[in-house]
Amino acid sequence: MLPMDKEYVQAVAELCQAENVLLIVDEVQTGMCRTGKFWAHQHYGITPDIFTASKALANGLPMGAMLAKAHVARGFLPGCHATTFGGGGLVSSVASKVLDIMLRDDIAGRARDMGALAVDAFLKLQAKHPDKIATVRGMGLMIGIALNVPGTQVHIDLREAGFVCNLAHGTVLRLLPSLLISAEDLLAFAACLDDILSKQ
């Protein structure tokens, strides 16, 4: 949950191009509209030689994909590479429909807007609890709330209140909600976290 600096990413891309090294981006979690753009690398103004997609690609069915520039893709002949989640007929059809729906319903724009609403609410919590919230960071609906206090009890209290999130490094609440989450649910999470932090 640490977005990279745009200038750093662009410098890496330029270095790869100068040294004739393939630039490969893992979009398994960050892709498919999660960060407010269809692919996270679009935030940085770069075009990778290869990038990967999975997880949301077939809406949870086992599907993975590797996308590549034409000159790189020529290195793969039909049948030369196999994978467990290589896309049979059923999951390929589902993935195609998922892409159609995400584009039709502007799910990337929705993730951007809901993420902005959530980050705004969490920044207000940080201002209210500066001793307990260190930073709020992320892109779209991929958000980290770094705590200044041990997060185990906060995590437990959130779960007991009906809110499921991850706890990374013992202090970072890692939020990857549904791309269709409502504003009401995001604000209810913020209100619950406010209540929990107020009691600590």
N, C-alpha and C. Protein backbone atom coordinates (compact mmCIF):
# COMPACT_ATOMS: atom_id res chain seq x y z
N MET A 1 0.82 -1.19 0.00
CA MET A 1 0.00 0.00 0.00
C MET A 1 0.86 1.25 0.00
N LEU A 2 1.95 1.20 -0.74
CA LEU A 2 2.85 2.34 -0.85
C LEU A 2 2.99 2.73 -2.33
N PRO A 3 2.14 3.62 -2.82
CA PRO A 3 2.27 4.03 -4.23
C PRO A 3 3.66 4.58 -4.51
N MET A 4 4.22 4.17 -5.63
CA MET A 4 5.57 4.62 -5.98
C MET A 4 5.53 6.04 -6.55
N ASP A 5 6.63 6.73 -6.43
CA ASP A 5 6.79 8.07 -6.96
C ASP A 5 6.79 8.01 -8.50
N LYS A 6 6.01 8.87 -9.14
CA LYS A 6 5.87 8.83 -10.59
C LYS A 6 7.21 9.02 -11.30
N GLU A 7 8.03 9.96 -10.82
CA GLU A 7 9.32 10.22 -11.46
C GLU A 7 10.23 9.00 -11.34
N TYR A 8 10.17 8.29 -10.22
CA TYR A 8 10.98 7.08 -10.04
C TYR A 8 10.57 6.02 -11.05
N VAL A 9 9.27 5.79 -11.17
CA VAL A 9 8.77 4.77 -12.10
C VAL A 9 9.17 5.11 -13.53
N GLN A 10 9.03 6.37 -13.90
CA GLN A 10 9.39 6.78 -15.25
C GLN A 10 10.89 6.63 -15.49
N ALA A 11 11.70 6.90 -14.46
CA ALA A 11 13.15 6.73 -14.59
C ALA A 11 13.51 5.25 -14.77
N VAL A 12 12.83 4.37 -14.05
CA VAL A 12 13.07 2.93 -14.22
C VAL A 12 12.71 2.52 -15.65
N ALA A 13 11.57 2.99 -16.14
CA ALA A 13 11.15 2.66 -17.50
C ALA A 13 12.16 3.15 -18.53
N GLU A 14 12.66 4.36 -18.34
CA GLU A 14 13.66 4.91 -19.26
C GLU A 14 14.96 4.11 -19.20
N LEU A 15 15.37 3.70 -18.00
CA LEU A 15 16.58 2.90 -17.85
C LEU A 15 16.42 1.55 -18.55
N CYS A 16 15.26 0.92 -18.37
CA CYS A 16 15.02 -0.36 -19.03
C CYS A 16 15.12 -0.22 -20.54
N GLN A 17 14.53 0.85 -21.06
CA GLN A 17 14.57 1.06 -22.51
C GLN A 17 16.00 1.32 -22.98
N ALA A 18 16.74 2.13 -22.23
CA ALA A 18 18.12 2.44 -22.62
C ALA A 18 19.01 1.21 -22.60
N GLU A 19 18.77 0.31 -21.67
CA GLU A 19 19.60 -0.88 -21.50
C GLU A 19 19.02 -2.12 -22.20
N ASN A 20 17.93 -1.92 -22.95
CA ASN A 20 17.28 -3.02 -23.67
C ASN A 20 16.87 -4.15 -22.73
N VAL A 21 16.28 -3.75 -21.59
CA VAL A 21 15.77 -4.69 -20.59
C VAL A 21 14.26 -4.61 -20.61
N LEU A 22 13.60 -5.76 -20.58
CA LEU A 22 12.14 -5.77 -20.58
C LEU A 22 11.59 -5.16 -19.29
N LEU A 23 10.62 -4.29 -19.43
CA LEU A 23 9.91 -3.71 -18.28
C LEU A 23 8.66 -4.54 -18.06
N ILE A 24 8.59 -5.22 -16.93
CA ILE A 24 7.48 -6.11 -16.62
C ILE A 24 6.75 -5.58 -15.39
N VAL A 25 5.44 -5.45 -15.48
CA VAL A 25 4.63 -4.92 -14.39
C VAL A 25 3.63 -5.98 -13.95
N ASP A 26 3.58 -6.23 -12.65
CA ASP A 26 2.63 -7.18 -12.07
C ASP A 26 1.35 -6.42 -11.73
N GLU A 27 0.28 -6.69 -12.47
CA GLU A 27 -1.01 -6.02 -12.25
C GLU A 27 -2.05 -7.00 -11.69
N VAL A 28 -1.59 -8.09 -11.06
CA VAL A 28 -2.52 -9.09 -10.55
C VAL A 28 -3.48 -8.48 -9.53
N GLN A 29 -2.97 -7.66 -8.60
CA GLN A 29 -3.85 -7.00 -7.63
C GLN A 29 -4.22 -5.58 -8.06
N THR A 30 -3.31 -4.89 -8.70
CA THR A 30 -3.53 -3.47 -8.98
C THR A 30 -4.32 -3.22 -10.26
N GLY A 31 -4.42 -4.23 -11.13
CA GLY A 31 -5.11 -4.05 -12.39
C GLY A 31 -6.62 -4.22 -12.27
N MET A 32 -7.27 -4.18 -13.40
CA MET A 32 -8.73 -4.37 -13.49
C MET A 32 -9.49 -3.33 -12.67
N CYS A 33 -9.10 -2.07 -12.83
CA CYS A 33 -9.82 -0.91 -12.27
C CYS A 33 -9.56 -0.64 -10.79
N ARG A 34 -8.82 -1.47 -10.11
CA ARG A 34 -8.64 -1.37 -8.66
C ARG A 34 -8.14 0.01 -8.21
N THR A 35 -7.22 0.61 -8.96
CA THR A 35 -6.59 1.86 -8.51
C THR A 35 -7.22 3.13 -9.08
N GLY A 36 -8.35 2.97 -9.78
CA GLY A 36 -8.99 4.14 -10.36
C GLY A 36 -8.67 4.35 -11.82
N LYS A 37 -7.80 3.53 -12.37
CA LYS A 37 -7.57 3.43 -13.81
C LYS A 37 -7.64 1.94 -14.13
N PHE A 38 -7.82 1.62 -15.41
CA PHE A 38 -7.97 0.19 -15.71
C PHE A 38 -6.72 -0.57 -15.29
N TRP A 39 -5.55 0.01 -15.54
CA TRP A 39 -4.27 -0.60 -15.13
C TRP A 39 -3.50 0.43 -14.31
N ALA A 40 -2.88 0.00 -13.23
CA ALA A 40 -2.15 0.93 -12.36
C ALA A 40 -1.01 1.62 -13.09
N HIS A 41 -0.38 0.93 -14.03
CA HIS A 41 0.75 1.58 -14.72
C HIS A 41 0.32 2.82 -15.49
N GLN A 42 -0.97 2.95 -15.79
CA GLN A 42 -1.46 4.14 -16.49
C GLN A 42 -1.32 5.41 -15.64
N HIS A 43 -1.28 5.27 -14.33
CA HIS A 43 -1.07 6.43 -13.45
C HIS A 43 0.32 7.04 -13.68
N TYR A 44 1.24 6.24 -14.20
CA TYR A 44 2.64 6.65 -14.27
C TYR A 44 3.07 7.05 -15.68
N GLY A 45 2.18 6.95 -16.64
CA GLY A 45 2.53 7.35 -17.99
C GLY A 45 3.56 6.45 -18.65
N ILE A 46 3.57 5.17 -18.29
CA ILE A 46 4.52 4.23 -18.89
C ILE A 46 3.75 3.14 -19.64
N THR A 47 4.45 2.47 -20.54
CA THR A 47 3.89 1.32 -21.25
C THR A 47 4.84 0.16 -21.05
N PRO A 48 4.49 -0.79 -20.19
CA PRO A 48 5.39 -1.93 -19.96
C PRO A 48 5.48 -2.82 -21.19
N ASP A 49 6.59 -3.56 -21.27
CA ASP A 49 6.75 -4.54 -22.34
C ASP A 49 5.83 -5.73 -22.10
N ILE A 50 5.66 -6.07 -20.83
CA ILE A 50 4.81 -7.17 -20.41
C ILE A 50 4.08 -6.74 -19.15
N PHE A 51 2.81 -7.12 -19.03
CA PHE A 51 2.16 -7.00 -17.72
C PHE A 51 1.20 -8.16 -17.53
N THR A 52 0.95 -8.45 -16.26
CA THR A 52 0.14 -9.61 -15.91
C THR A 52 -1.19 -9.17 -15.32
N ALA A 53 -2.17 -10.04 -15.47
CA ALA A 53 -3.50 -9.81 -14.88
C ALA A 53 -4.03 -11.14 -14.39
N SER A 54 -4.84 -11.08 -13.34
CA SER A 54 -5.45 -12.29 -12.80
C SER A 54 -6.52 -11.86 -11.80
N LYS A 55 -6.86 -12.72 -10.87
CA LYS A 55 -7.83 -12.45 -9.81
C LYS A 55 -9.13 -11.87 -10.36
N ALA A 56 -9.24 -10.56 -10.48
CA ALA A 56 -10.49 -9.94 -10.94
C ALA A 56 -10.76 -10.19 -12.42
N LEU A 57 -9.81 -10.68 -13.16
CA LEU A 57 -9.95 -10.85 -14.60
C LEU A 57 -11.18 -11.66 -14.98
N ALA A 58 -11.43 -12.74 -14.26
CA ALA A 58 -12.63 -13.56 -14.53
C ALA A 58 -13.56 -13.55 -13.32
N ASN A 59 -13.54 -12.42 -12.59
CA ASN A 59 -14.43 -12.21 -11.45
C ASN A 59 -14.31 -13.33 -10.41
N GLY A 60 -13.07 -13.76 -10.16
CA GLY A 60 -12.83 -14.75 -9.12
C GLY A 60 -12.63 -16.16 -9.64
N LEU A 61 -13.02 -16.44 -10.87
CA LEU A 61 -12.73 -17.76 -11.44
C LEU A 61 -11.23 -17.83 -11.76
N PRO A 62 -10.66 -19.03 -11.79
CA PRO A 62 -9.21 -19.15 -12.01
C PRO A 62 -8.81 -18.77 -13.43
N MET A 63 -8.26 -17.56 -13.56
CA MET A 63 -7.87 -17.05 -14.87
C MET A 63 -6.68 -16.13 -14.69
N GLY A 64 -5.68 -16.29 -15.50
CA GLY A 64 -4.54 -15.39 -15.50
C GLY A 64 -4.19 -15.05 -16.93
N ALA A 65 -3.55 -13.92 -17.12
CA ALA A 65 -3.15 -13.51 -18.46
C ALA A 65 -1.85 -12.74 -18.40
N MET A 66 -1.08 -12.88 -19.47
CA MET A 66 0.12 -12.08 -19.65
C MET A 66 -0.06 -11.32 -20.95
N LEU A 67 0.04 -10.00 -20.88
CA LEU A 67 -0.11 -9.16 -22.05
C LEU A 67 1.26 -8.59 -22.41
N ALA A 68 1.55 -8.52 -23.71
CA ALA A 68 2.89 -8.10 -24.12
C ALA A 68 2.84 -7.29 -25.41
N LYS A 69 3.84 -6.44 -25.58
CA LYS A 69 4.01 -5.73 -26.84
C LYS A 69 4.26 -6.77 -27.94
N ALA A 70 3.92 -6.39 -29.17
CA ALA A 70 3.99 -7.34 -30.28
C ALA A 70 5.37 -7.97 -30.43
N HIS A 71 6.44 -7.18 -30.32
CA HIS A 71 7.78 -7.74 -30.54
C HIS A 71 8.17 -8.71 -29.43
N VAL A 72 7.62 -8.55 -28.24
CA VAL A 72 7.88 -9.47 -27.13
C VAL A 72 7.03 -10.72 -27.29
N ALA A 73 5.77 -10.53 -27.67
CA ALA A 73 4.84 -11.66 -27.82
C ALA A 73 5.32 -12.65 -28.87
N ARG A 74 6.11 -12.18 -29.83
CA ARG A 74 6.63 -13.10 -30.86
C ARG A 74 7.53 -14.18 -30.26
N GLY A 75 7.99 -13.97 -29.04
CA GLY A 75 8.82 -14.97 -28.37
C GLY A 75 8.03 -16.16 -27.87
N PHE A 76 6.70 -16.06 -27.90
CA PHE A 76 5.83 -17.14 -27.45
C PHE A 76 5.06 -17.69 -28.64
N LEU A 77 5.37 -18.91 -29.02
CA LEU A 77 4.64 -19.57 -30.09
C LEU A 77 3.49 -20.38 -29.49
N PRO A 78 2.40 -20.57 -30.21
CA PRO A 78 1.29 -21.36 -29.67
C PRO A 78 1.75 -22.73 -29.17
N GLY A 79 1.39 -23.01 -27.93
CA GLY A 79 1.73 -24.31 -27.34
C GLY A 79 3.07 -24.36 -26.63
N CYS A 80 3.87 -23.30 -26.71
CA CYS A 80 5.21 -23.35 -26.09
C CYS A 80 5.18 -23.01 -24.60
N HIS A 81 4.06 -22.47 -24.13
CA HIS A 81 3.98 -22.08 -22.73
C HIS A 81 2.63 -22.52 -22.18
N ALA A 82 2.67 -23.20 -21.05
CA ALA A 82 1.42 -23.67 -20.43
C ALA A 82 1.33 -23.11 -19.02
N THR A 83 0.11 -23.03 -18.52
CA THR A 83 -0.11 -22.52 -17.19
C THR A 83 -1.37 -23.15 -16.60
N THR A 84 -1.39 -23.27 -15.29
CA THR A 84 -2.55 -23.85 -14.62
C THR A 84 -3.81 -23.04 -14.92
N PHE A 85 -3.69 -21.71 -14.90
CA PHE A 85 -4.83 -20.84 -15.12
C PHE A 85 -4.76 -20.20 -16.50
N GLY A 86 -4.52 -21.02 -17.51
CA GLY A 86 -4.28 -20.52 -18.85
C GLY A 86 -5.50 -20.14 -19.66
N GLY A 87 -6.68 -20.25 -19.09
CA GLY A 87 -7.84 -19.72 -19.79
C GLY A 87 -8.54 -20.71 -20.69
N GLY A 88 -9.28 -21.65 -20.09
CA GLY A 88 -10.12 -22.54 -20.88
C GLY A 88 -11.29 -21.74 -21.45
N GLY A 89 -12.14 -22.43 -22.21
CA GLY A 89 -13.25 -21.76 -22.87
C GLY A 89 -14.20 -21.05 -21.92
N LEU A 90 -14.57 -21.72 -20.82
CA LEU A 90 -15.53 -21.14 -19.88
C LEU A 90 -14.99 -19.87 -19.23
N VAL A 91 -13.79 -19.96 -18.62
CA VAL A 91 -13.27 -18.79 -17.91
C VAL A 91 -12.89 -17.68 -18.89
N SER A 92 -12.48 -18.03 -20.10
CA SER A 92 -12.18 -17.00 -21.09
C SER A 92 -13.44 -16.23 -21.47
N SER A 93 -14.56 -16.94 -21.58
CA SER A 93 -15.83 -16.29 -21.87
C SER A 93 -16.24 -15.37 -20.73
N VAL A 94 -16.05 -15.83 -19.48
CA VAL A 94 -16.36 -15.00 -18.31
C VAL A 94 -15.47 -13.77 -18.29
N ALA A 95 -14.17 -13.96 -18.54
CA ALA A 95 -13.24 -12.82 -18.53
C ALA A 95 -13.63 -11.78 -19.57
N SER A 96 -14.03 -12.24 -20.74
CA SER A 96 -14.46 -11.33 -21.80
C SER A 96 -15.67 -10.51 -21.35
N LYS A 97 -16.61 -11.17 -20.68
CA LYS A 97 -17.81 -10.46 -20.19
C LYS A 97 -17.46 -9.49 -19.07
N VAL A 98 -16.56 -9.89 -18.18
CA VAL A 98 -16.10 -9.00 -17.10
C VAL A 98 -15.51 -7.72 -17.70
N LEU A 99 -14.66 -7.86 -18.69
CA LEU A 99 -14.06 -6.69 -19.33
C LEU A 99 -15.13 -5.80 -19.95
N ASP A 100 -16.10 -6.41 -20.63
CA ASP A 100 -17.19 -5.63 -21.23
C ASP A 100 -17.94 -4.82 -20.17
N ILE A 101 -18.26 -5.47 -19.06
CA ILE A 101 -19.03 -4.80 -18.00
C ILE A 101 -18.21 -3.69 -17.35
N MET A 102 -16.93 -3.96 -17.08
CA MET A 102 -16.09 -2.93 -16.45
C MET A 102 -15.96 -1.70 -17.32
N LEU A 103 -15.83 -1.90 -18.62
CA LEU A 103 -15.75 -0.77 -19.53
C LEU A 103 -17.11 -0.07 -19.66
N ARG A 104 -18.16 -0.85 -19.81
CA ARG A 104 -19.51 -0.29 -19.98
C ARG A 104 -19.91 0.57 -18.78
N ASP A 105 -19.62 0.07 -17.57
CA ASP A 105 -20.06 0.75 -16.34
C ASP A 105 -19.00 1.66 -15.73
N ASP A 106 -17.91 1.89 -16.45
CA ASP A 106 -16.81 2.76 -15.98
C ASP A 106 -16.43 2.42 -14.54
N ILE A 107 -16.10 1.16 -14.32
CA ILE A 107 -15.74 0.71 -12.97
C ILE A 107 -14.46 1.40 -12.50
N ALA A 108 -13.55 1.71 -13.41
CA ALA A 108 -12.33 2.44 -13.01
C ALA A 108 -12.70 3.80 -12.44
N GLY A 109 -13.59 4.52 -13.11
CA GLY A 109 -14.02 5.83 -12.61
C GLY A 109 -14.73 5.72 -11.28
N ARG A 110 -15.52 4.66 -11.13
CA ARG A 110 -16.21 4.44 -9.86
C ARG A 110 -15.21 4.18 -8.74
N ALA A 111 -14.18 3.36 -9.01
CA ALA A 111 -13.15 3.09 -8.01
C ALA A 111 -12.39 4.37 -7.65
N ARG A 112 -12.13 5.19 -8.65
CA ARG A 112 -11.47 6.48 -8.40
C ARG A 112 -12.30 7.34 -7.47
N ASP A 113 -13.59 7.48 -7.78
CA ASP A 113 -14.47 8.35 -7.00
C ASP A 113 -14.71 7.82 -5.58
N MET A 114 -14.97 6.52 -5.46
CA MET A 114 -15.20 5.94 -4.13
C MET A 114 -13.90 5.96 -3.31
N GLY A 115 -12.78 5.75 -3.99
CA GLY A 115 -11.49 5.83 -3.29
C GLY A 115 -11.23 7.23 -2.77
N ALA A 116 -11.55 8.25 -3.57
CA ALA A 116 -11.36 9.63 -3.13
C ALA A 116 -12.25 9.95 -1.93
N LEU A 117 -13.49 9.45 -1.97
CA LEU A 117 -14.40 9.66 -0.84
C LEU A 117 -13.83 8.99 0.42
N ALA A 118 -13.35 7.75 0.27
CA ALA A 118 -12.81 7.03 1.42
C ALA A 118 -11.57 7.72 1.98
N VAL A 119 -10.65 8.09 1.10
CA VAL A 119 -9.41 8.74 1.56
C VAL A 119 -9.73 10.05 2.27
N ASP A 120 -10.68 10.81 1.75
CA ASP A 120 -11.08 12.06 2.40
C ASP A 120 -11.59 11.78 3.82
N ALA A 121 -12.43 10.75 3.96
CA ALA A 121 -12.95 10.40 5.29
C ALA A 121 -11.83 9.96 6.21
N PHE A 122 -10.87 9.19 5.68
CA PHE A 122 -9.77 8.69 6.51
C PHE A 122 -8.80 9.80 6.89
N LEU A 123 -8.61 10.78 5.99
CA LEU A 123 -7.76 11.92 6.33
C LEU A 123 -8.39 12.76 7.44
N LYS A 124 -9.71 12.86 7.45
CA LYS A 124 -10.40 13.56 8.53
C LYS A 124 -10.19 12.81 9.85
N LEU A 125 -10.20 11.48 9.78
CA LEU A 125 -9.91 10.69 10.98
C LEU A 125 -8.48 10.91 11.45
N GLN A 126 -7.56 10.99 10.49
CA GLN A 126 -6.16 11.24 10.86
C GLN A 126 -6.02 12.58 11.57
N ALA A 127 -6.73 13.60 11.07
CA ALA A 127 -6.68 14.91 11.72
C ALA A 127 -7.28 14.85 13.12
N LYS A 128 -8.28 14.01 13.31
CA LYS A 128 -8.92 13.87 14.62
C LYS A 128 -8.09 13.01 15.57
N HIS A 129 -7.37 12.02 15.01
CA HIS A 129 -6.57 11.09 15.83
C HIS A 129 -5.11 11.06 15.34
N PRO A 130 -4.41 12.21 15.37
CA PRO A 130 -3.05 12.24 14.82
C PRO A 130 -2.07 11.35 15.59
N ASP A 131 -2.40 11.06 16.84
CA ASP A 131 -1.53 10.19 17.63
C ASP A 131 -1.75 8.72 17.30
N LYS A 132 -2.82 8.41 16.57
CA LYS A 132 -3.15 7.01 16.28
C LYS A 132 -3.07 6.65 14.81
N ILE A 133 -3.24 7.63 13.90
CA ILE A 133 -3.12 7.37 12.47
C ILE A 133 -1.92 8.13 11.93
N ALA A 134 -0.96 7.38 11.41
CA ALA A 134 0.27 7.99 10.88
C ALA A 134 0.08 8.52 9.47
N THR A 135 -0.43 7.68 8.58
CA THR A 135 -0.64 8.08 7.18
C THR A 135 -1.85 7.36 6.60
N VAL A 136 -2.38 7.97 5.56
CA VAL A 136 -3.41 7.37 4.73
C VAL A 136 -2.86 7.42 3.32
N ARG A 137 -2.84 6.28 2.64
CA ARG A 137 -2.20 6.25 1.32
C ARG A 137 -2.91 5.24 0.42
N GLY A 138 -2.71 5.39 -0.86
CA GLY A 138 -3.28 4.43 -1.80
C GLY A 138 -3.72 5.09 -3.08
N MET A 139 -4.37 4.28 -3.90
CA MET A 139 -4.92 4.74 -5.17
C MET A 139 -6.25 4.04 -5.37
N GLY A 140 -7.27 4.79 -5.75
CA GLY A 140 -8.57 4.19 -5.98
C GLY A 140 -9.04 3.44 -4.75
N LEU A 141 -9.48 2.20 -4.96
CA LEU A 141 -9.95 1.38 -3.85
C LEU A 141 -8.89 0.37 -3.41
N MET A 142 -7.66 0.84 -3.33
CA MET A 142 -6.54 0.09 -2.77
C MET A 142 -5.87 1.04 -1.78
N ILE A 143 -6.26 0.92 -0.51
CA ILE A 143 -5.93 1.95 0.48
C ILE A 143 -5.26 1.33 1.70
N GLY A 144 -4.27 2.02 2.23
CA GLY A 144 -3.65 1.63 3.48
C GLY A 144 -3.81 2.73 4.51
N ILE A 145 -4.19 2.34 5.71
CA ILE A 145 -4.25 3.28 6.85
C ILE A 145 -3.19 2.81 7.83
N ALA A 146 -2.08 3.55 7.88
CA ALA A 146 -0.97 3.17 8.76
C ALA A 146 -1.21 3.76 10.14
N LEU A 147 -1.21 2.89 11.13
CA LEU A 147 -1.47 3.32 12.51
C LEU A 147 -0.16 3.60 13.25
N ASN A 148 -0.24 4.51 14.21
CA ASN A 148 0.89 4.77 15.12
C ASN A 148 0.85 3.84 16.32
N VAL A 149 -0.18 3.04 16.39
CA VAL A 149 -0.38 2.13 17.53
C VAL A 149 -0.44 0.70 17.00
N PRO A 150 -0.18 -0.30 17.85
CA PRO A 150 -0.35 -1.68 17.39
C PRO A 150 -1.77 -1.89 16.86
N GLY A 151 -1.87 -2.56 15.71
CA GLY A 151 -3.16 -2.66 15.05
C GLY A 151 -3.97 -3.90 15.35
N THR A 152 -3.41 -4.84 16.11
CA THR A 152 -4.11 -6.11 16.30
C THR A 152 -5.49 -5.92 16.90
N GLN A 153 -5.60 -5.15 17.98
CA GLN A 153 -6.90 -4.98 18.62
C GLN A 153 -7.86 -4.17 17.75
N VAL A 154 -7.32 -3.19 17.05
CA VAL A 154 -8.16 -2.40 16.12
C VAL A 154 -8.73 -3.33 15.06
N HIS A 155 -7.89 -4.20 14.53
CA HIS A 155 -8.29 -5.15 13.50
C HIS A 155 -9.37 -6.09 14.03
N ILE A 156 -9.17 -6.59 15.24
CA ILE A 156 -10.16 -7.48 15.86
C ILE A 156 -11.48 -6.75 16.08
N ASP A 157 -11.40 -5.53 16.60
CA ASP A 157 -12.62 -4.75 16.87
C ASP A 157 -13.39 -4.46 15.58
N LEU A 158 -12.67 -4.15 14.51
CA LEU A 158 -13.33 -3.91 13.22
C LEU A 158 -14.04 -5.18 12.74
N ARG A 159 -13.36 -6.31 12.85
CA ARG A 159 -13.94 -7.58 12.41
C ARG A 159 -15.19 -7.91 13.22
N GLU A 160 -15.10 -7.69 14.53
CA GLU A 160 -16.26 -7.98 15.38
C GLU A 160 -17.44 -7.05 15.08
N ALA A 161 -17.15 -5.88 14.53
CA ALA A 161 -18.20 -4.94 14.14
C ALA A 161 -18.72 -5.23 12.72
N GLY A 162 -18.12 -6.24 12.06
CA GLY A 162 -18.59 -6.64 10.74
C GLY A 162 -17.78 -6.10 9.58
N PHE A 163 -16.61 -5.54 9.85
CA PHE A 163 -15.76 -5.00 8.78
C PHE A 163 -14.51 -5.85 8.63
N VAL A 164 -14.34 -6.43 7.45
CA VAL A 164 -13.20 -7.31 7.20
C VAL A 164 -12.16 -6.55 6.37
N CYS A 165 -10.95 -6.50 6.88
CA CYS A 165 -9.83 -5.94 6.14
C CYS A 165 -8.58 -6.71 6.57
N ASN A 166 -7.49 -6.47 5.91
CA ASN A 166 -6.23 -7.11 6.29
C ASN A 166 -5.46 -6.21 7.24
N LEU A 167 -4.57 -6.82 8.01
CA LEU A 167 -3.64 -6.06 8.85
C LEU A 167 -2.24 -6.44 8.39
N ALA A 168 -1.52 -5.49 7.82
CA ALA A 168 -0.16 -5.74 7.33
C ALA A 168 0.86 -5.14 8.29
N HIS A 169 1.91 -5.89 8.52
CA HIS A 169 3.03 -5.44 9.38
C HIS A 169 2.58 -5.06 10.78
N GLY A 170 1.41 -5.51 11.18
CA GLY A 170 0.93 -5.25 12.53
C GLY A 170 0.38 -3.86 12.76
N THR A 171 0.50 -2.98 11.76
CA THR A 171 0.06 -1.59 11.97
C THR A 171 -0.70 -0.98 10.79
N VAL A 172 -0.79 -1.68 9.67
CA VAL A 172 -1.42 -1.08 8.48
C VAL A 172 -2.72 -1.79 8.16
N LEU A 173 -3.83 -1.05 8.25
CA LEU A 173 -5.11 -1.58 7.82
C LEU A 173 -5.13 -1.51 6.29
N ARG A 174 -5.23 -2.67 5.67
CA ARG A 174 -5.12 -2.79 4.21
C ARG A 174 -6.52 -3.02 3.64
N LEU A 175 -7.01 -2.03 2.88
CA LEU A 175 -8.38 -2.06 2.39
C LEU A 175 -8.42 -2.32 0.89
N LEU A 176 -9.10 -3.38 0.50
CA LEU A 176 -9.33 -3.72 -0.90
C LEU A 176 -10.81 -4.10 -1.04
N PRO A 177 -11.71 -3.14 -0.84
CA PRO A 177 -13.14 -3.47 -0.85
C PRO A 177 -13.62 -3.78 -2.26
N SER A 178 -14.83 -4.29 -2.34
CA SER A 178 -15.47 -4.52 -3.63
C SER A 178 -15.43 -3.25 -4.45
N LEU A 179 -15.21 -3.39 -5.74
CA LEU A 179 -15.24 -2.23 -6.63
C LEU A 179 -16.65 -1.64 -6.74
N LEU A 180 -17.63 -2.35 -6.22
CA LEU A 180 -19.01 -1.87 -6.24
C LEU A 180 -19.48 -1.42 -4.86
N ILE A 181 -18.54 -1.24 -3.92
CA ILE A 181 -18.91 -0.84 -2.55
C ILE A 181 -19.63 0.50 -2.60
N SER A 182 -20.58 0.66 -1.70
CA SER A 182 -21.34 1.92 -1.64
C SER A 182 -20.63 2.96 -0.78
N ALA A 183 -20.96 4.21 -1.03
CA ALA A 183 -20.43 5.29 -0.20
C ALA A 183 -20.85 5.09 1.25
N GLU A 184 -22.08 4.61 1.45
CA GLU A 184 -22.60 4.39 2.81
C GLU A 184 -21.73 3.38 3.56
N ASP A 185 -21.33 2.30 2.89
CA ASP A 185 -20.49 1.30 3.54
C ASP A 185 -19.10 1.84 3.87
N LEU A 186 -18.54 2.62 2.97
CA LEU A 186 -17.23 3.21 3.24
C LEU A 186 -17.29 4.17 4.43
N LEU A 187 -18.32 4.98 4.48
CA LEU A 187 -18.46 5.93 5.57
C LEU A 187 -18.80 5.23 6.88
N ALA A 188 -19.52 4.10 6.80
CA ALA A 188 -19.80 3.32 8.01
C ALA A 188 -18.50 2.72 8.56
N PHE A 189 -17.62 2.27 7.67
CA PHE A 189 -16.31 1.78 8.12
C PHE A 189 -15.54 2.90 8.82
N ALA A 190 -15.52 4.09 8.21
CA ALA A 190 -14.81 5.23 8.80
C ALA A 190 -15.38 5.58 10.17
N ALA A 191 -16.69 5.56 10.30
CA ALA A 191 -17.34 5.88 11.59
C ALA A 191 -16.99 4.82 12.63
N CYS A 192 -16.95 3.57 12.23
CA CYS A 192 -16.60 2.48 13.16
C CYS A 192 -15.15 2.62 13.61
N LEU A 193 -14.25 2.91 12.66
CA LEU A 193 -12.84 3.08 13.02
C LEU A 193 -12.67 4.27 13.94
N ASP A 194 -13.40 5.35 13.68
CA ASP A 194 -13.38 6.51 14.57
C ASP A 194 -13.77 6.11 15.99
N ASP A 195 -14.84 5.36 16.10
CA ASP A 195 -15.31 4.93 17.42
C ASP A 195 -14.28 4.05 18.12
N ILE A 196 -13.68 3.14 17.39
CA ILE A 196 -12.68 2.24 17.97
C ILE A 196 -11.46 3.04 18.44
N LEU A 197 -10.98 3.96 17.62
CA LEU A 197 -9.80 4.73 18.00
C LEU A 197 -10.10 5.68 19.15
N SER A 198 -11.31 6.16 19.22
CA SER A 198 -11.70 7.07 20.32
C SER A 198 -11.68 6.37 21.66
N LYS A 199 -11.91 5.07 21.66
CA LYS A 199 -11.96 4.30 22.91
C LYS A 199 -10.60 3.78 23.34
N GLN A 200 -9.59 3.93 22.50
CA GLN A 200 -8.26 3.40 22.87
C GLN A 200 -7.48 4.39 23.70
